[in-house]
């Protein structure tokens, strides 16, 4: 199915600095963001339905609003695509089925999805977008990114708060199952993020004004966010991750994805992780 955002996107086109030789990279980056942001609305549609069936109507309406925000993010990213000379439209491929987790009680399935969507994916988005904002000069593109950032913070906070409230009511068996599920959730998160964070991409400093990021730095920030924000938050919630990801909370070597003994590098990762740590999500 073709998704055509051109009309809506052209109403929000930001003024950009001349992209010069970075035009192709910038267009590819914002096109990918447009697709990723827009199609993200499906997970909140699924979560809204799941919450509604469980009688949590207020929370279901909040997730329906988050779905609309994700679609708006797609339009805003499409506005940048249009400003760069591209077209804000794409063919949406069939997505994966929303996980209902029918093998566990309904409330436990909701907790799994809240953790996967808000505590993992949206929290990483907050860190990555927050770091990008800090490196971007003041101007229309930063304002556009700030709008997206503010919504992502709201999505993450919602999930952290509701998941914590639900997990408090779960018995030890359910919490143990959550710990097992987190192995799968973290593996999926890592696969998704690394597929979009190319360590070979290293744009020049002026690329920041167009939203271009250093892929290796972004990977390191991803691992720092997992180790310094997500894992401790889940442990405090009462559903500690196991195996490699539990080790990430106490071993800085995991923060780059490959164990190493480089104090200077660990210091850089910690500084980059500050954008996530300084954002209160709970």
Protein backbone atom coordinates (compact mmCIF):
# COMPACT_ATOMS: atom_id res chain seq x y z
CA UNK A 1 0.00 0.00 0.00
CA UNK A 2 1.33 3.44 -0.89
CA UNK A 3 1.47 6.01 1.87
CA UNK A 4 1.37 9.50 0.36
CA UNK A 5 2.33 12.25 2.80
CA UNK A 6 3.28 14.87 0.22
CA UNK A 7 0.37 17.24 0.74
CA UNK A 8 0.63 17.29 4.51
CA UNK A 9 4.42 17.36 4.49
CA UNK A 10 4.72 20.35 2.16
CA UNK A 11 2.81 22.46 4.67
CA UNK A 12 5.64 21.96 7.20
CA UNK A 13 8.78 22.19 5.04
CA UNK A 14 11.62 23.72 7.11
CA UNK A 15 14.22 26.09 5.75
CA UNK A 16 17.49 24.15 5.50
CA UNK A 17 21.11 25.10 4.92
CA UNK A 18 22.36 24.19 1.43
CA UNK A 19 23.14 20.44 1.68
CA UNK A 20 25.86 20.48 -0.96
CA UNK A 21 27.64 17.13 -1.20
CA UNK A 22 25.64 15.86 1.81
CA UNK A 23 22.33 16.07 -0.06
CA UNK A 24 22.11 12.37 -0.88
CA UNK A 25 23.00 11.25 2.64
CA UNK A 26 20.54 13.71 4.19
CA UNK A 27 17.72 12.65 1.88
CA UNK A 28 18.34 8.97 2.63
CA UNK A 29 18.43 9.63 6.37
CA UNK A 30 15.18 11.58 6.49
CA UNK A 31 13.39 9.23 4.14
CA UNK A 32 14.27 6.32 6.42
CA UNK A 33 13.08 8.32 9.42
CA UNK A 34 9.84 9.20 7.68
CA UNK A 35 9.08 5.53 7.06
CA UNK A 36 10.17 4.40 10.53
CA UNK A 37 8.22 7.11 12.35
CA UNK A 38 5.05 6.72 10.34
CA UNK A 39 4.91 2.94 10.50
CA UNK A 40 5.55 3.04 14.27
CA UNK A 41 1.91 4.02 14.70
CA UNK A 42 0.91 0.37 14.25
CA UNK A 43 2.43 -0.72 17.57
CA UNK A 44 0.44 1.90 19.47
CA UNK A 45 -2.72 0.90 17.59
CA UNK A 46 -2.12 -2.66 18.76
CA UNK A 47 -1.40 -1.60 22.32
CA UNK A 48 -4.55 0.57 22.36
CA UNK A 49 -6.66 -2.42 21.29
CA UNK A 50 -5.03 -4.66 23.89
CA UNK A 51 -5.58 -2.14 26.69
CA UNK A 52 -9.17 -1.54 25.57
CA UNK A 53 -10.00 -5.24 25.70
CA UNK A 54 -8.61 -5.31 29.24
CA UNK A 55 -10.93 -2.48 30.27
CA UNK A 56 -8.14 0.08 30.61
CA UNK A 57 -9.97 2.64 28.51
CA UNK A 58 -8.07 5.75 29.61
CA UNK A 59 -4.71 4.17 28.84
CA UNK A 60 -6.09 2.84 25.55
CA UNK A 61 -7.07 6.36 24.49
CA UNK A 62 -3.60 7.62 25.41
CA UNK A 63 -2.06 4.99 23.11
CA UNK A 64 -4.47 5.95 20.32
CA UNK A 65 -3.20 9.52 20.69
CA UNK A 66 0.41 8.24 20.55
CA UNK A 67 -0.46 6.50 17.28
CA UNK A 68 -1.62 9.79 15.81
CA UNK A 69 1.58 11.43 17.02
CA UNK A 70 3.71 8.83 15.27
CA UNK A 71 1.85 9.48 12.04
CA UNK A 72 2.48 13.19 12.52
CA UNK A 73 6.18 12.46 13.04
CA UNK A 74 6.15 10.72 9.67
CA UNK A 75 4.68 13.86 8.12
CA UNK A 76 7.31 16.08 9.77
CA UNK A 77 10.15 13.86 8.58
CA UNK A 78 8.49 13.84 5.18
CA UNK A 79 8.57 17.64 5.27
CA UNK A 80 12.36 17.45 5.48
CA UNK A 81 12.39 14.94 2.60
CA UNK A 82 10.41 17.43 0.52
CA UNK A 83 12.68 20.30 1.53
CA UNK A 84 15.66 18.24 0.33
CA UNK A 85 14.04 17.68 -3.06
CA UNK A 86 12.55 14.25 -2.46
CA UNK A 87 8.98 12.99 -2.30
CA UNK A 88 7.22 12.16 0.95
CA UNK A 89 5.63 8.92 -0.12
CA UNK A 90 6.54 5.26 0.18
CA UNK A 91 5.19 1.76 -0.26
CA UNK A 92 4.34 0.31 3.13
CA UNK A 93 5.27 -3.34 3.34
CA UNK A 94 3.20 -5.79 5.41
CA UNK A 95 4.39 -5.59 8.99
CA UNK A 96 4.71 -8.25 11.65
CA UNK A 97 1.63 -9.21 13.65
CA UNK A 98 1.22 -7.32 16.92
CA UNK A 99 2.21 -9.73 19.73
CA UNK A 100 -0.79 -10.57 21.90
CA UNK A 101 1.21 -12.98 24.13
CA UNK A 102 -1.76 -15.33 24.36
CA UNK A 103 0.37 -17.83 26.32
CA UNK A 104 0.23 -15.66 29.46
CA UNK A 105 -2.52 -13.77 31.33
CA UNK A 106 -3.73 -10.60 29.60
CA UNK A 107 -2.21 -8.18 32.09
CA UNK A 108 1.17 -9.91 31.78
CA UNK A 109 0.98 -9.61 28.00
CA UNK A 110 0.29 -5.90 28.38
CA UNK A 111 3.34 -5.56 30.62
CA UNK A 112 5.51 -7.29 28.02
CA UNK A 113 4.35 -4.94 25.26
CA UNK A 114 4.70 -1.82 27.40
CA UNK A 115 8.26 -2.79 28.27
CA UNK A 116 9.17 -3.62 24.68
CA UNK A 117 7.60 -0.51 23.16
CA UNK A 118 8.10 2.21 25.77
CA UNK A 119 10.81 1.07 28.17
CA UNK A 120 13.06 -0.24 25.40
CA UNK A 121 12.36 1.22 21.94
CA UNK A 122 10.98 4.63 22.91
CA UNK A 123 13.63 5.13 25.61
CA UNK A 124 16.37 4.50 23.06
CA UNK A 125 14.64 6.95 20.70
CA UNK A 126 14.67 9.59 23.44
CA UNK A 127 18.41 9.14 23.92
CA UNK A 128 19.31 9.17 20.22
CA UNK A 129 17.06 12.08 19.28
CA UNK A 130 18.07 13.99 22.39
CA UNK A 131 21.76 13.68 21.51
CA UNK A 132 21.04 14.75 17.94
CA UNK A 133 19.19 17.84 19.14
CA UNK A 134 22.13 18.86 21.30
CA UNK A 135 24.50 18.71 18.34
CA UNK A 136 22.18 20.55 15.95
CA UNK A 137 22.34 24.36 15.65
CA UNK A 138 19.29 26.44 16.52
CA UNK A 139 16.84 26.77 13.65
CA UNK A 140 13.75 25.32 11.96
CA UNK A 141 15.12 21.77 11.71
CA UNK A 142 15.98 21.67 15.39
CA UNK A 143 12.50 22.99 16.20
CA UNK A 144 10.97 20.19 14.10
CA UNK A 145 13.12 17.60 15.85
CA UNK A 146 12.21 19.04 19.24
CA UNK A 147 8.53 18.41 18.50
CA UNK A 148 9.26 14.76 17.78
CA UNK A 149 11.55 14.49 20.82
CA UNK A 150 8.91 15.86 23.20
CA UNK A 151 6.36 13.30 22.01
CA UNK A 152 8.84 10.42 22.33
CA UNK A 153 9.56 11.43 25.92
CA UNK A 154 5.84 11.25 26.61
CA UNK A 155 5.56 7.80 25.04
CA UNK A 156 8.44 6.50 27.14
CA UNK A 157 7.19 8.01 30.40
CA UNK A 158 3.73 6.55 29.88
CA UNK A 159 5.11 3.05 29.45
CA UNK A 160 7.55 3.20 32.35
CA UNK A 161 4.83 4.36 34.74
CA UNK A 162 2.13 1.93 33.65
CA UNK A 163 4.50 -1.04 33.37
CA UNK A 164 5.81 -0.38 36.89
CA UNK A 165 2.26 -0.27 38.26
CA UNK A 166 1.36 -3.54 36.55
CA UNK A 167 4.55 -5.37 37.51
CA UNK A 168 3.99 -4.48 41.18
CA UNK A 169 0.79 -6.54 41.03
CA UNK A 170 2.37 -9.60 39.39
CA UNK A 171 3.37 -12.67 41.38
CA UNK A 172 6.92 -14.03 41.35
CA UNK A 173 6.16 -16.59 38.63
CA UNK A 174 4.95 -13.87 36.28
CA UNK A 175 7.99 -11.72 37.05
CA UNK A 176 10.24 -14.66 36.33
CA UNK A 177 8.54 -15.12 32.96
CA UNK A 178 9.09 -11.42 32.27
CA UNK A 179 12.78 -11.93 32.92
CA UNK A 180 12.83 -14.72 30.33
CA UNK A 181 10.88 -12.58 27.87
CA UNK A 182 13.40 -9.75 28.20
CA UNK A 183 16.07 -11.94 26.58
CA UNK A 184 13.92 -11.97 23.44
CA UNK A 185 12.95 -8.30 23.69
CA UNK A 186 16.53 -7.10 24.10
CA UNK A 187 17.74 -9.28 21.23
CA UNK A 188 15.07 -7.81 18.96
CA UNK A 189 15.91 -4.27 20.10
CA UNK A 190 19.60 -4.76 19.42
CA UNK A 191 18.99 -6.25 15.99
CA UNK A 192 16.69 -3.38 15.01
CA UNK A 193 18.90 -0.58 16.29
CA UNK A 194 22.17 -1.89 14.85
CA UNK A 195 20.50 -2.35 11.46
CA UNK A 196 19.85 1.41 11.43
CA UNK A 197 23.11 2.60 13.01
CA UNK A 198 25.89 2.06 10.49
CA UNK A 199 29.30 2.32 12.23
CA UNK A 200 30.88 3.24 8.90
CA UNK A 201 28.90 6.48 8.61
CA UNK A 202 30.96 9.45 9.83
CA UNK A 203 29.65 12.72 8.35
CA UNK A 204 31.66 15.95 8.65
CA UNK A 205 30.76 18.39 11.45
CA UNK A 206 28.50 20.43 9.17
CA UNK A 207 26.33 17.34 8.74
CA UNK A 208 24.82 17.98 12.19
CA UNK A 209 22.85 20.90 10.72
CA UNK A 210 21.11 18.40 8.42
CA UNK A 211 20.49 15.75 11.06
CA UNK A 212 23.37 13.47 10.07
CA UNK A 213 24.92 11.46 12.89
CA UNK A 214 28.08 9.46 13.42
CA UNK A 215 27.00 5.83 13.32
CA UNK A 216 29.59 4.51 15.75
CA UNK A 217 28.82 7.24 18.29
CA UNK A 218 25.12 6.42 17.98
CA UNK A 219 25.82 2.72 18.58
CA UNK A 220 27.79 3.54 21.69
CA UNK A 221 24.98 5.75 22.93
CA UNK A 222 22.55 2.90 22.34
CA UNK A 223 24.56 0.54 24.52
CA UNK A 224 25.10 3.22 27.17
CA UNK A 225 21.35 3.86 27.31
CA UNK A 226 20.65 0.16 27.80
CA UNK A 227 23.30 -0.16 30.51
CA UNK A 228 22.74 3.10 32.39
CA UNK A 229 19.01 3.75 31.97
CA UNK A 230 16.98 0.76 30.79
CA UNK A 231 18.50 -2.14 32.73
CA UNK A 232 18.60 -0.28 36.08
CA UNK A 233 15.02 0.89 35.50
CA UNK A 234 13.80 -2.63 34.88
CA UNK A 235 15.67 -3.97 37.89
CA UNK A 236 14.04 -1.29 40.07
CA UNK A 237 10.67 -2.24 38.59
CA UNK A 238 11.11 -5.83 39.73
CA UNK A 239 11.77 -7.67 36.46
CA UNK A 240 15.55 -7.81 36.11
CA UNK A 241 17.01 -8.80 32.73
CA UNK A 242 19.17 -11.89 32.64
CA UNK A 243 22.36 -13.02 30.98
CA UNK A 244 24.28 -10.60 28.79
CA UNK A 245 21.98 -7.64 29.39
CA UNK A 246 22.12 -7.96 33.16
CA UNK A 247 25.91 -7.91 32.84
CA UNK A 248 25.65 -4.70 30.81
CA UNK A 249 24.46 -2.85 33.89
CA UNK A 250 27.66 -3.53 35.78
CA UNK A 251 30.27 -4.00 33.05
CA UNK A 252 31.01 -0.92 30.91
CA UNK A 253 32.74 -3.17 28.35
CA UNK A 254 29.32 -4.17 27.02
CA UNK A 255 28.35 -0.60 26.23
CA UNK A 256 30.08 -0.61 22.84
CA UNK A 257 28.84 -4.05 21.90
CA UNK A 258 32.29 -5.66 22.13
CA UNK A 259 34.24 -6.03 25.38
CA UNK A 260 37.29 -3.82 25.58
CA UNK A 261 39.52 -2.12 28.12
CA UNK A 262 39.62 1.46 26.98
CA UNK A 263 39.03 3.92 29.80
CA UNK A 264 39.03 6.91 27.46
CA UNK A 265 36.39 5.31 25.27
CA UNK A 266 34.23 4.43 28.28
CA UNK A 267 34.45 8.05 29.39
CA UNK A 268 33.24 9.23 25.98
CA UNK A 269 30.35 6.77 26.06
CA UNK A 270 29.35 7.98 29.50
CA UNK A 271 29.29 11.58 28.28
CA UNK A 272 27.16 10.65 25.29
CA UNK A 273 24.79 8.76 27.55
CA UNK A 274 24.09 11.87 29.60
CA UNK A 275 21.27 12.96 27.27
CA UNK A 276 19.36 9.81 28.24
CA UNK A 277 20.27 9.86 31.93
CA UNK A 278 19.22 13.48 32.29
CA UNK A 279 15.74 12.76 30.94
CA UNK A 280 13.36 11.58 33.66
CA UNK A 281 11.24 8.83 32.13
CA UNK A 282 9.55 7.46 35.21
